[in-house]
Amino acid sequence: MANKNTQIVPDIIKYPIITDKTTKSIENNKYYFKVTKNSNKYEIKTAIEQIFNVKVKKINTLNIPNKTKKIGKFKGQITQYKKAIIQLYTEYSIKLFED
Protein backbone atom coordinates (compact mmCIF):
# COMPACT_ATOMS: atom_id res chain seq x y z
CA MET A 1 0.00 0.00 0.00
CA ALA A 2 2.87 2.40 0.75
CA ASN A 3 4.22 2.00 -2.78
CA LYS A 4 0.87 3.07 -4.23
CA ASN A 5 0.88 6.16 -1.98
CA THR A 6 4.29 7.35 -3.16
CA GLN A 7 3.18 7.23 -6.79
CA ILE A 8 0.04 9.27 -6.10
CA VAL A 9 1.63 11.99 -3.93
CA PRO A 10 3.12 14.24 -6.66
CA ASP A 11 -0.03 13.98 -8.79
CA ILE A 12 -2.50 15.09 -6.08
CA ILE A 13 -1.30 18.71 -5.87
CA LYS A 14 -1.68 20.40 -9.27
CA TYR A 15 -0.56 23.97 -8.58
CA PRO A 16 -0.95 26.83 -6.06
CA ILE A 17 -3.76 29.32 -6.58
CA ILE A 18 -2.28 32.84 -6.69
CA THR A 19 -4.71 35.76 -6.37
CA ASP A 20 -4.79 38.96 -4.32
CA LYS A 21 -6.82 37.26 -1.59
CA THR A 22 -4.54 34.22 -1.38
CA THR A 23 -1.34 36.27 -1.22
CA LYS A 24 -2.77 38.24 1.74
CA SER A 25 -3.62 34.99 3.53
CA ILE A 26 -0.02 33.77 3.24
CA GLU A 27 0.77 36.13 6.14
CA ASN A 28 -1.61 34.01 8.27
CA ASN A 29 0.14 30.81 7.10
CA LYS A 30 -2.74 29.75 4.82
CA TYR A 31 -2.02 28.44 1.34
CA TYR A 32 -4.45 27.61 -1.48
CA PHE A 33 -3.86 24.74 -3.92
CA LYS A 34 -5.76 23.19 -6.78
CA VAL A 35 -5.95 19.43 -6.18
CA THR A 36 -7.41 16.41 -7.95
CA LYS A 37 -11.17 16.00 -7.58
CA ASN A 38 -11.09 12.52 -6.06
CA SER A 39 -8.45 13.22 -3.37
CA ASN A 40 -9.36 13.36 0.31
CA LYS A 41 -7.95 15.46 3.16
CA TYR A 42 -5.58 12.76 4.40
CA GLU A 43 -4.01 12.31 0.95
CA ILE A 44 -3.67 16.08 0.53
CA LYS A 45 -2.04 16.40 3.95
CA THR A 46 0.54 13.69 3.26
CA ALA A 47 1.29 15.16 -0.17
CA ILE A 48 1.88 18.68 1.21
CA GLU A 49 4.02 17.38 4.07
CA GLN A 50 6.19 15.26 1.75
CA ILE A 51 6.59 17.79 -1.06
CA PHE A 52 7.27 20.93 1.03
CA ASN A 53 8.65 19.31 4.24
CA VAL A 54 6.19 21.13 6.56
CA LYS A 55 3.59 20.16 9.20
CA VAL A 56 -0.08 20.80 8.33
CA LYS A 57 -2.35 22.08 11.10
CA LYS A 58 -5.70 22.20 9.27
CA ILE A 59 -7.16 21.50 5.83
CA ASN A 60 -10.40 22.77 4.31
CA THR A 61 -11.54 21.56 0.90
CA LEU A 62 -14.26 22.77 -1.43
CA ASN A 63 -15.47 21.79 -4.87
CA ILE A 64 -15.67 24.72 -7.28
CA PRO A 65 -18.63 24.25 -9.68
CA ASN A 66 -18.60 24.70 -13.46
CA LYS A 67 -18.71 28.29 -14.65
CA THR A 68 -20.00 29.53 -17.98
CA LYS A 69 -17.77 32.10 -19.68
CA LYS A 70 -18.64 34.17 -22.73
CA ILE A 71 -16.13 35.64 -25.16
CA GLY A 72 -17.90 37.54 -27.89
CA LYS A 73 -20.54 35.26 -29.36
CA PHE A 74 -18.85 32.08 -28.08
CA LYS A 75 -19.87 30.35 -24.86
CA GLY A 76 -17.74 27.87 -22.98
CA GLN A 77 -17.39 26.08 -19.66
CA ILE A 78 -14.59 26.40 -17.14
CA THR A 79 -14.19 22.93 -15.72
CA GLN A 80 -14.96 21.96 -12.16
CA TYR A 81 -12.04 21.55 -9.75
CA LYS A 82 -11.29 21.05 -6.07
CA LYS A 83 -9.59 23.70 -3.95
CA ALA A 84 -7.66 22.93 -0.76
CA ILE A 85 -6.98 25.58 1.87
CA ILE A 86 -3.97 24.50 3.92
CA GLN A 87 -3.08 26.06 7.26
CA LEU A 88 0.40 25.34 8.59
CA TYR A 89 1.82 25.56 12.08
CA THR A 90 3.43 28.94 12.85
CA GLU A 91 7.02 27.70 12.65
CA TYR A 92 6.61 26.41 9.07
CA SER A 93 6.14 28.22 5.76
CA ILE A 94 6.09 27.42 2.05
CA LYS A 95 8.18 29.58 -0.27
CA LEU A 96 6.00 30.16 -3.35
CA PHE A 97 7.77 33.26 -4.65
CA GLU A 98 11.42 33.82 -5.44
CA ASP A 99 13.05 36.85 -3.79
PDB file of N, CA and C in Angstrom:
ATOM      1  N   MET A   1       0.819  -1.201   0.000  1.00  0.00           N
ATOM      2  CA  MET A   1       0.000   0.000   0.000  1.00  0.00           C
ATOM      3  C   MET A   1       0.862   1.263   0.000  1.00  0.00           C
ATOM      4  N   ALA A   2       2.003   1.229   0.676  1.00  0.00           N
ATOM      5  CA  ALA A   2       2.866   2.400   0.748  1.00  0.00           C
ATOM      6  C   ALA A   2       3.433   2.750  -0.618  1.00  0.00           C
ATOM      7  N   ASN A   3       3.696   1.749  -1.445  1.00  0.00           N
ATOM      8  CA  ASN A   3       4.222   2.001  -2.783  1.00  0.00           C
ATOM      9  C   ASN A   3       3.195   2.739  -3.636  1.00  0.00           C
ATOM     10  N   LYS A   4       1.930   2.380  -3.489  1.00  0.00           N
ATOM     11  CA  LYS A   4       0.868   3.069  -4.226  1.00  0.00           C
ATOM     12  C   LYS A   4       0.779   4.541  -3.803  1.00  0.00           C
ATOM     13  N   ASN A   5       0.951   4.808  -2.506  1.00  0.00           N
ATOM     14  CA  ASN A   5       0.877   6.162  -1.976  1.00  0.00           C
ATOM     15  C   ASN A   5       1.977   7.054  -2.526  1.00  0.00           C
ATOM     16  N   THR A   6       3.181   6.531  -2.675  1.00  0.00           N
ATOM     17  CA  THR A   6       4.288   7.347  -3.157  1.00  0.00           C
ATOM     18  C   THR A   6       4.121   7.714  -4.626  1.00  0.00           C
ATOM     19  N   GLN A   7       3.418   6.895  -5.392  1.00  0.00           N
ATOM     20  CA  GLN A   7       3.181   7.232  -6.791  1.00  0.00           C
ATOM     21  C   GLN A   7       2.123   8.320  -6.922  1.00  0.00           C
ATOM     22  N   ILE A   8       1.150   8.319  -6.019  1.00  0.00           N
ATOM     23  CA  ILE A   8       0.042   9.266  -6.101  1.00  0.00           C
ATOM     24  C   ILE A   8       0.432  10.649  -5.595  1.00  0.00           C
ATOM     25  N   VAL A   9       1.332  10.734  -4.629  1.00  0.00           N
ATOM     26  CA  VAL A   9       1.635  11.986  -3.925  1.00  0.00           C
ATOM     27  C   VAL A   9       1.944  13.157  -4.852  1.00  0.00           C
ATOM     28  N   PRO A  10       2.850  13.063  -5.831  1.00  0.00           N
ATOM     29  CA  PRO A  10       3.120  14.244  -6.660  1.00  0.00           C
ATOM     30  C   PRO A  10       1.944  14.637  -7.552  1.00  0.00           C
ATOM     31  N   ASP A  11       1.066  13.690  -7.872  1.00  0.00           N
ATOM     32  CA  ASP A  11      -0.033  13.978  -8.793  1.00  0.00           C
ATOM     33  C   ASP A  11      -1.237  14.613  -8.105  1.00  0.00           C
ATOM     34  N   ILE A  12      -1.331  14.546  -6.794  1.00  0.00           N
ATOM     35  CA  ILE A  12      -2.496  15.091  -6.084  1.00  0.00           C
ATOM     36  C   ILE A  12      -2.514  16.611  -6.153  1.00  0.00           C
ATOM     37  N   ILE A  13      -1.387  17.259  -5.870  1.00  0.00           N
ATOM     38  CA  ILE A  13      -1.295  18.712  -5.874  1.00  0.00           C
ATOM     39  C   ILE A  13      -0.981  19.166  -7.295  1.00  0.00           C
ATOM     40  N   LYS A  14      -1.902  19.941  -7.892  1.00  0.00           N
ATOM     41  CA  LYS A  14      -1.678  20.398  -9.265  1.00  0.00           C
ATOM     42  C   LYS A  14      -0.834  21.669  -9.288  1.00  0.00           C
ATOM     43  N   TYR A  15      -1.318  22.724  -8.638  1.00  0.00           N
ATOM     44  CA  TYR A  15      -0.563  23.972  -8.577  1.00  0.00           C
ATOM     45  C   TYR A  15      -1.167  24.894  -7.523  1.00  0.00           C
ATOM     46  N   PRO A  16      -0.394  25.869  -7.016  1.00  0.00           N
ATOM     47  CA  PRO A  16      -0.950  26.829  -6.056  1.00  0.00           C
ATOM     48  C   PRO A  16      -1.843  27.845  -6.762  1.00  0.00           C
ATOM     49  N   ILE A  17      -2.846  28.304  -6.053  1.00  0.00           N
ATOM     50  CA  ILE A  17      -3.758  29.324  -6.578  1.00  0.00           C
ATOM     51  C   ILE A  17      -3.243  30.673  -6.089  1.00  0.00           C
ATOM     52  N   ILE A  18      -2.863  31.544  -7.033  1.00  0.00           N
ATOM     53  CA  ILE A  18      -2.276  32.840  -6.694  1.00  0.00           C
ATOM     54  C   ILE A  18      -3.248  33.944  -7.123  1.00  0.00           C
ATOM     55  N   THR A  19      -3.870  34.588  -6.144  1.00  0.00           N
ATOM     56  CA  THR A  19      -4.713  35.759  -6.371  1.00  0.00           C
ATOM     57  C   THR A  19      -4.372  36.788  -5.297  1.00  0.00           C
ATOM     58  N   ASP A  20      -5.027  37.938  -5.340  1.00  0.00           N
ATOM     59  CA  ASP A  20      -4.794  38.958  -4.318  1.00  0.00           C
ATOM     60  C   ASP A  20      -5.190  38.443  -2.936  1.00  0.00           C
ATOM     61  N   LYS A  21      -6.331  37.766  -2.868  1.00  0.00           N
ATOM     62  CA  LYS A  21      -6.816  37.257  -1.590  1.00  0.00           C
ATOM     63  C   LYS A  21      -5.880  36.189  -1.023  1.00  0.00           C
ATOM     64  N   THR A  22      -5.393  35.309  -1.878  1.00  0.00           N
ATOM     65  CA  THR A  22      -4.542  34.223  -1.383  1.00  0.00           C
ATOM     66  C   THR A  22      -3.167  34.726  -0.963  1.00  0.00           C
ATOM     67  N   THR A  23      -2.643  35.743  -1.631  1.00  0.00           N
ATOM     68  CA  THR A  23      -1.339  36.267  -1.222  1.00  0.00           C
ATOM     69  C   THR A  23      -1.440  37.001   0.122  1.00  0.00           C
ATOM     70  N   LYS A  24      -2.586  37.614   0.427  1.00  0.00           N
ATOM     71  CA  LYS A  24      -2.775  38.239   1.737  1.00  0.00           C
ATOM     72  C   LYS A  24      -2.884  37.188   2.833  1.00  0.00           C
ATOM     73  N   SER A  25      -3.454  36.027   2.512  1.00  0.00           N
ATOM     74  CA  SER A  25      -3.622  34.991   3.533  1.00  0.00           C
ATOM     75  C   SER A  25      -2.331  34.232   3.817  1.00  0.00           C
ATOM     76  N   ILE A  26      -1.312  34.406   2.981  1.00  0.00           N
ATOM     77  CA  ILE A  26      -0.019  33.771   3.239  1.00  0.00           C
ATOM     78  C   ILE A  26       0.589  34.307   4.537  1.00  0.00           C
ATOM     79  N   GLU A  27       0.286  35.561   4.884  1.00  0.00           N
ATOM     80  CA  GLU A  27       0.765  36.134   6.142  1.00  0.00           C
ATOM     81  C   GLU A  27       0.203  35.383   7.344  1.00  0.00           C
ATOM     82  N   ASN A  28      -0.987  34.797   7.190  1.00  0.00           N
ATOM     83  CA  ASN A  28      -1.610  34.009   8.266  1.00  0.00           C
ATOM     84  C   ASN A  28      -1.277  32.527   8.145  1.00  0.00           C
ATOM     85  N   ASN A  29      -0.307  32.191   7.308  1.00  0.00           N
ATOM     86  CA  ASN A  29       0.145  30.811   7.095  1.00  0.00           C
ATOM     87  C   ASN A  29      -0.933  29.929   6.460  1.00  0.00           C
ATOM     88  N   LYS A  30      -1.747  30.509   5.578  1.00  0.00           N
ATOM     89  CA  LYS A  30      -2.744  29.753   4.823  1.00  0.00           C
ATOM     90  C   LYS A  30      -2.349  29.768   3.354  1.00  0.00           C
ATOM     91  N   TYR A  31      -2.406  28.600   2.734  1.00  0.00           N
ATOM     92  CA  TYR A  31      -2.020  28.444   1.337  1.00  0.00           C
ATOM     93  C   TYR A  31      -3.150  27.758   0.592  1.00  0.00           C
ATOM     94  N   TYR A  32      -3.374  28.159  -0.661  1.00  0.00           N
ATOM     95  CA  TYR A  32      -4.447  27.613  -1.484  1.00  0.00           C
ATOM     96  C   TYR A  32      -3.833  26.815  -2.630  1.00  0.00           C
ATOM     97  N   PHE A  33      -4.352  25.602  -2.856  1.00  0.00           N
ATOM     98  CA  PHE A  33      -3.859  24.741  -3.918  1.00  0.00           C
ATOM     99  C   PHE A  33      -5.025  24.147  -4.682  1.00  0.00           C
ATOM    100  N   LYS A  34      -4.815  23.952  -5.976  1.00  0.00           N
ATOM    101  CA  LYS A  34      -5.758  23.192  -6.781  1.00  0.00           C
ATOM    102  C   LYS A  34      -5.327  21.740  -6.697  1.00  0.00           C
ATOM    103  N   VAL A  35      -6.263  20.846  -6.363  1.00  0.00           N
ATOM    104  CA  VAL A  35      -5.949  19.428  -6.180  1.00  0.00           C
ATOM    105  C   VAL A  35      -6.877  18.590  -7.050  1.00  0.00           C
ATOM    106  N   THR A  36      -6.564  17.303  -7.161  1.00  0.00           N
ATOM    107  CA  THR A  36      -7.414  16.407  -7.950  1.00  0.00           C
ATOM    108  C   THR A  36      -8.771  16.262  -7.275  1.00  0.00           C
ATOM    109  N   LYS A  37      -9.808  16.025  -8.091  1.00  0.00           N
ATOM    110  CA  LYS A  37     -11.175  15.996  -7.579  1.00  0.00           C
ATOM    111  C   LYS A  37     -11.445  14.826  -6.645  1.00  0.00           C
ATOM    112  N   ASN A  38     -10.773  13.702  -6.855  1.00  0.00           N
ATOM    113  CA  ASN A  38     -11.086  12.522  -6.056  1.00  0.00           C
ATOM    114  C   ASN A  38     -10.167  12.346  -4.848  1.00  0.00           C
ATOM    115  N   SER A  39      -9.348  13.335  -4.519  1.00  0.00           N
ATOM    116  CA  SER A  39      -8.452  13.221  -3.373  1.00  0.00           C
ATOM    117  C   SER A  39      -9.182  13.619  -2.093  1.00  0.00           C
ATOM    118  N   ASN A  40      -8.770  13.014  -0.979  1.00  0.00           N
ATOM    119  CA  ASN A  40      -9.363  13.360   0.313  1.00  0.00           C
ATOM    120  C   ASN A  40      -8.357  14.163   1.146  1.00  0.00           C
ATOM    121  N   LYS A  41      -8.784  14.592   2.340  1.00  0.00           N
ATOM    122  CA  LYS A  41      -7.951  15.464   3.160  1.00  0.00           C
ATOM    123  C   LYS A  41      -6.676  14.765   3.628  1.00  0.00           C
ATOM    124  N   TYR A  42      -6.771  13.486   3.943  1.00  0.00           N
ATOM    125  CA  TYR A  42      -5.584  12.758   4.399  1.00  0.00           C
ATOM    126  C   TYR A  42      -4.541  12.674   3.291  1.00  0.00           C
ATOM    127  N   GLU A  43      -4.949  12.384   2.073  1.00  0.00           N
ATOM    128  CA  GLU A  43      -4.010  12.313   0.947  1.00  0.00           C
ATOM    129  C   GLU A  43      -3.384  13.674   0.668  1.00  0.00           C
ATOM    130  N   ILE A  44      -4.180  14.732   0.754  1.00  0.00           N
ATOM    131  CA  ILE A  44      -3.672  16.084   0.525  1.00  0.00           C
ATOM    132  C   ILE A  44      -2.646  16.452   1.600  1.00  0.00           C
ATOM    133  N   LYS A  45      -2.954  16.103   2.852  1.00  0.00           N
ATOM    134  CA  LYS A  45      -2.040  16.403   3.954  1.00  0.00           C
ATOM    135  C   LYS A  45      -0.706  15.695   3.766  1.00  0.00           C
ATOM    136  N   THR A  46      -0.715  14.415   3.437  1.00  0.00           N
ATOM    137  CA  THR A  46       0.545  13.690   3.256  1.00  0.00           C
ATOM    138  C   THR A  46       1.318  14.219   2.060  1.00  0.00           C
ATOM    139  N   ALA A  47       0.614  14.618   1.009  1.00  0.00           N
ATOM    140  CA  ALA A  47       1.288  15.157  -0.172  1.00  0.00           C
ATOM    141  C   ALA A  47       1.983  16.474   0.155  1.00  0.00           C
ATOM    142  N   ILE A  48       1.302  17.386   0.844  1.00  0.00           N
ATOM    143  CA  ILE A  48       1.885  18.683   1.209  1.00  0.00           C
ATOM    144  C   ILE A  48       3.074  18.486   2.134  1.00  0.00           C
ATOM    145  N   GLU A  49       2.935  17.598   3.120  1.00  0.00           N
ATOM    146  CA  GLU A  49       4.019  17.380   4.072  1.00  0.00           C
ATOM    147  C   GLU A  49       5.248  16.758   3.416  1.00  0.00           C
ATOM    148  N   GLN A  50       5.048  15.877   2.430  1.00  0.00           N
ATOM    149  CA  GLN A  50       6.188  15.260   1.753  1.00  0.00           C
ATOM    150  C   GLN A  50       6.843  16.196   0.745  1.00  0.00           C
ATOM    151  N   ILE A  51       6.042  16.932  -0.009  1.00  0.00           N
ATOM    152  CA  ILE A  51       6.592  17.793  -1.059  1.00  0.00           C
ATOM    153  C   ILE A  51       7.336  18.993  -0.459  1.00  0.00           C
ATOM    154  N   PHE A  52       6.709  19.684   0.507  1.00  0.00           N
ATOM    155  CA  PHE A  52       7.266  20.935   1.027  1.00  0.00           C
ATOM    156  C   PHE A  52       7.988  20.784   2.364  1.00  0.00           C
ATOM    157  N   ASN A  53       7.968  19.587   2.979  1.00  0.00           N
ATOM    158  CA  ASN A  53       8.646  19.312   4.237  1.00  0.00           C
ATOM    159  C   ASN A  53       8.151  20.248   5.347  1.00  0.00           C
ATOM    160  N   VAL A  54       6.834  20.294   5.546  1.00  0.00           N
ATOM    161  CA  VAL A  54       6.190  21.125   6.562  1.00  0.00           C
ATOM    162  C   VAL A  54       5.189  20.267   7.337  1.00  0.00           C
ATOM    163  N   LYS A  55       4.628  20.832   8.417  1.00  0.00           N
ATOM    164  CA  LYS A  55       3.588  20.160   9.198  1.00  0.00           C
ATOM    165  C   LYS A  55       2.274  20.920   9.013  1.00  0.00           C
ATOM    166  N   VAL A  56       1.228  20.205   8.609  1.00  0.00           N
ATOM    167  CA  VAL A  56      -0.076  20.798   8.331  1.00  0.00           C
ATOM    168  C   VAL A  56      -0.912  20.795   9.606  1.00  0.00           C
ATOM    169  N   LYS A  57      -1.499  21.948   9.918  1.00  0.00           N
ATOM    170  CA  LYS A  57      -2.354  22.078  11.097  1.00  0.00           C
ATOM    171  C   LYS A  57      -3.812  21.776  10.748  1.00  0.00           C
ATOM    172  N   LYS A  58      -4.281  22.311   9.606  1.00  0.00           N
ATOM    173  CA  LYS A  58      -5.696  22.198   9.266  1.00  0.00           C
ATOM    174  C   LYS A  58      -5.862  22.234   7.759  1.00  0.00           C
ATOM    175  N   ILE A  59      -6.862  21.498   7.255  1.00  0.00           N
ATOM    176  CA  ILE A  59      -7.162  21.499   5.826  1.00  0.00           C
ATOM    177  C   ILE A  59      -8.662  21.698   5.636  1.00  0.00           C
ATOM    178  N   ASN A  60      -9.017  22.612   4.767  1.00  0.00           N
ATOM    179  CA  ASN A  60     -10.399  22.773   4.309  1.00  0.00           C
ATOM    180  C   ASN A  60     -10.413  22.533   2.806  1.00  0.00           C
ATOM    181  N   THR A  61     -11.422  21.813   2.334  1.00  0.00           N
ATOM    182  CA  THR A  61     -11.543  21.564   0.900  1.00  0.00           C
ATOM    183  C   THR A  61     -12.912  22.013   0.426  1.00  0.00           C
ATOM    184  N   LEU A  62     -12.977  22.433  -0.831  1.00  0.00           N
ATOM    185  CA  LEU A  62     -14.255  22.772  -1.428  1.00  0.00           C
ATOM    186  C   LEU A  62     -14.209  22.494  -2.923  1.00  0.00           C
ATOM    187  N   ASN A  63     -15.353  22.053  -3.449  1.00  0.00           N
ATOM    188  CA  ASN A  63     -15.470  21.786  -4.874  1.00  0.00           C
ATOM    189  C   ASN A  63     -16.008  23.031  -5.561  1.00  0.00           C
ATOM    190  N   ILE A  64     -15.272  23.533  -6.521  1.00  0.00           N
ATOM    191  CA  ILE A  64     -15.673  24.716  -7.278  1.00  0.00           C
ATOM    192  C   ILE A  64     -16.530  24.241  -8.449  1.00  0.00           C
ATOM    193  N   PRO A  65     -17.760  24.738  -8.603  1.00  0.00           N
ATOM    194  CA  PRO A  65     -18.629  24.252  -9.682  1.00  0.00           C
ATOM    195  C   PRO A  65     -18.213  24.786 -11.047  1.00  0.00           C
ATOM    196  N   ASN A  66     -18.830  24.215 -12.100  1.00  0.00           N
ATOM    197  CA  ASN A  66     -18.601  24.700 -13.459  1.00  0.00           C
ATOM    198  C   ASN A  66     -19.049  26.147 -13.578  1.00  0.00           C
ATOM    199  N   LYS A  67     -18.330  26.911 -14.384  1.00  0.00           N
ATOM    200  CA  LYS A  67     -18.711  28.291 -14.652  1.00  0.00           C
ATOM    201  C   LYS A  67     -18.829  28.473 -16.150  1.00  0.00           C
ATOM    202  N   THR A  68     -19.829  29.229 -16.575  1.00  0.00           N
ATOM    203  CA  THR A  68     -20.000  29.535 -17.984  1.00  0.00           C
ATOM    204  C   THR A  68     -19.334  30.865 -18.283  1.00  0.00           C
ATOM    205  N   LYS A  69     -18.457  30.880 -19.259  1.00  0.00           N
ATOM    206  CA  LYS A  69     -17.773  32.103 -19.679  1.00  0.00           C
ATOM    207  C   LYS A  69     -18.182  32.420 -21.110  1.00  0.00           C
ATOM    208  N   LYS A  70     -18.255  33.719 -21.407  1.00  0.00           N
ATOM    209  CA  LYS A  70     -18.644  34.172 -22.729  1.00  0.00           C
ATOM    210  C   LYS A  70     -17.561  35.079 -23.275  1.00  0.00           C
ATOM    211  N   ILE A  71     -17.096  34.785 -24.475  1.00  0.00           N
ATOM    212  CA  ILE A  71     -16.134  35.643 -25.156  1.00  0.00           C
ATOM    213  C   ILE A  71     -16.741  35.956 -26.515  1.00  0.00           C
ATOM    214  N   GLY A  72     -17.217  37.180 -26.654  1.00  0.00           N
ATOM    215  CA  GLY A  72     -17.898  37.544 -27.890  1.00  0.00           C
ATOM    216  C   GLY A  72     -19.180  36.750 -28.026  1.00  0.00           C
ATOM    217  N   LYS A  73     -19.333  36.065 -29.158  1.00  0.00           N
ATOM    218  CA  LYS A  73     -20.539  35.255 -29.361  1.00  0.00           C
ATOM    219  C   LYS A  73     -20.340  33.805 -28.937  1.00  0.00           C
ATOM    220  N   PHE A  74     -19.154  33.462 -28.443  1.00  0.00           N
ATOM    221  CA  PHE A  74     -18.850  32.083 -28.076  1.00  0.00           C
ATOM    222  C   PHE A  74     -19.054  31.871 -26.583  1.00  0.00           C
ATOM    223  N   LYS A  75     -19.658  30.736 -26.249  1.00  0.00           N
ATOM    224  CA  LYS A  75     -19.873  30.352 -24.863  1.00  0.00           C
ATOM    225  C   LYS A  75     -19.068  29.106 -24.570  1.00  0.00           C
ATOM    226  N   GLY A  76     -18.513  29.034 -23.362  1.00  0.00           N
ATOM    227  CA  GLY A  76     -17.743  27.866 -22.979  1.00  0.00           C
ATOM    228  C   GLY A  76     -17.854  27.600 -21.496  1.00  0.00           C
ATOM    229  N   GLN A  77     -17.353  26.465 -21.067  1.00  0.00           N
ATOM    230  CA  GLN A  77     -17.387  26.079 -19.665  1.00  0.00           C
ATOM    231  C   GLN A  77     -15.975  26.059 -19.096  1.00  0.00           C
ATOM    232  N   ILE A  78     -15.822  26.586 -17.894  1.00  0.00           N
ATOM    233  CA  ILE A  78     -14.594  26.405 -17.145  1.00  0.00           C
ATOM    234  C   ILE A  78     -14.829  25.176 -16.279  1.00  0.00           C
ATOM    235  N   THR A  79     -13.932  24.212 -16.344  1.00  0.00           N
ATOM    236  CA  THR A  79     -14.185  22.928 -15.716  1.00  0.00           C
ATOM    237  C   THR A  79     -14.184  23.020 -14.197  1.00  0.00           C
ATOM    238  N   GLN A  80     -14.861  22.052 -13.601  1.00  0.00           N
ATOM    239  CA  GLN A  80     -14.959  21.957 -12.160  1.00  0.00           C
ATOM    240  C   GLN A  80     -13.633  21.476 -11.590  1.00  0.00           C
ATOM    241  N   TYR A  81     -13.260  22.004 -10.413  1.00  0.00           N
ATOM    242  CA  TYR A  81     -12.036  21.554  -9.754  1.00  0.00           C
ATOM    243  C   TYR A  81     -12.223  21.605  -8.250  1.00  0.00           C
ATOM    244  N   LYS A  82     -11.257  21.075  -7.528  1.00  0.00           N
ATOM    245  CA  LYS A  82     -11.291  21.046  -6.072  1.00  0.00           C
ATOM    246  C   LYS A  82     -10.187  21.943  -5.531  1.00  0.00           C
ATOM    247  N   LYS A  83     -10.530  22.774  -4.554  1.00  0.00           N
ATOM    248  CA  LYS A  83      -9.587  23.702  -3.945  1.00  0.00           C
ATOM    249  C   LYS A  83      -9.313  23.249  -2.516  1.00  0.00           C
ATOM    250  N   ALA A  84      -8.045  23.264  -2.122  1.00  0.00           N
ATOM    251  CA  ALA A  84      -7.661  22.926  -0.759  1.00  0.00           C
ATOM    252  C   ALA A  84      -7.032  24.148  -0.102  1.00  0.00           C
ATOM    253  N   ILE A  85      -7.528  24.486   1.085  1.00  0.00           N
ATOM    254  CA  ILE A  85      -6.982  25.581   1.867  1.00  0.00           C
ATOM    255  C   ILE A  85      -6.190  24.944   3.004  1.00  0.00           C
ATOM    256  N   ILE A  86      -4.878  25.147   2.987  1.00  0.00           N
ATOM    257  CA  ILE A  86      -3.965  24.498   3.918  1.00  0.00           C
ATOM    258  C   ILE A  86      -3.487  25.517   4.938  1.00  0.00           C
ATOM    259  N   GLN A  87      -3.641  25.215   6.214  1.00  0.00           N
ATOM    260  CA  GLN A  87      -3.084  26.064   7.263  1.00  0.00           C
ATOM    261  C   GLN A  87      -1.947  25.302   7.926  1.00  0.00           C
ATOM    262  N   LEU A  88      -0.789  25.956   8.015  1.00  0.00           N
ATOM    263  CA  LEU A  88       0.402  25.342   8.593  1.00  0.00           C
ATOM    264  C   LEU A  88       0.597  25.824  10.022  1.00  0.00           C
ATOM    265  N   TYR A  89       1.414  25.088  10.767  1.00  0.00           N
ATOM    266  CA  TYR A  89       1.817  25.562  12.081  1.00  0.00           C
ATOM    267  C   TYR A  89       2.696  26.802  11.919  1.00  0.00           C
ATOM    268  N   THR A  90       2.783  27.626  12.964  1.00  0.00           N
ATOM    269  CA  THR A  90       3.432  28.938  12.848  1.00  0.00           C
ATOM    270  C   THR A  90       4.916  28.852  12.526  1.00  0.00           C
ATOM    271  N   GLU A  91       5.582  27.776  12.909  1.00  0.00           N
ATOM    272  CA  GLU A  91       7.024  27.697  12.651  1.00  0.00           C
ATOM    273  C   GLU A  91       7.361  27.252  11.233  1.00  0.00           C
ATOM    274  N   TYR A  92       6.372  26.875  10.441  1.00  0.00           N
ATOM    275  CA  TYR A  92       6.607  26.415   9.073  1.00  0.00           C
ATOM    276  C   TYR A  92       6.069  27.424   8.067  1.00  0.00           C
ATOM    277  N   SER A  93       6.649  27.399   6.863  1.00  0.00           N
ATOM    278  CA  SER A  93       6.140  28.219   5.765  1.00  0.00           C
ATOM    279  C   SER A  93       6.551  27.580   4.447  1.00  0.00           C
ATOM    280  N   ILE A  94       5.816  27.907   3.403  1.00  0.00           N
ATOM    281  CA  ILE A  94       6.095  27.419   2.052  1.00  0.00           C
ATOM    282  C   ILE A  94       6.543  28.622   1.245  1.00  0.00           C
ATOM    283  N   LYS A  95       7.662  28.478   0.543  1.00  0.00           N
ATOM    284  CA  LYS A  95       8.183  29.580  -0.268  1.00  0.00           C
ATOM    285  C   LYS A  95       7.630  29.419  -1.691  1.00  0.00           C
ATOM    286  N   LEU A  96       6.611  30.223  -2.022  1.00  0.00           N
ATOM    287  CA  LEU A  96       6.001  30.162  -3.347  1.00  0.00           C
ATOM    288  C   LEU A  96       6.651  31.130  -4.328  1.00  0.00           C
ATOM    289  N   PHE A  97       7.206  32.224  -3.803  1.00  0.00           N
ATOM    290  CA  PHE A  97       7.773  33.263  -4.653  1.00  0.00           C
ATOM    291  C   PHE A  97       9.273  33.333  -4.453  1.00  0.00           C
ATOM    292  N   GLU A  98       9.989  33.606  -5.532  1.00  0.00           N
ATOM    293  CA  GLU A  98      11.423  33.823  -5.437  1.00  0.00           C
ATOM    294  C   GLU A  98      11.688  35.260  -5.019  1.00  0.00           C
ATOM    295  N   ASP A  99      12.723  35.481  -4.241  1.00  0.00           N
ATOM    296  CA  ASP A  99      13.053  36.850  -3.795  1.00  0.00           C
ATOM    297  C   ASP A  99      13.799  37.620  -4.835  1.00  0.00           C
TER     298      ASP A  99
END
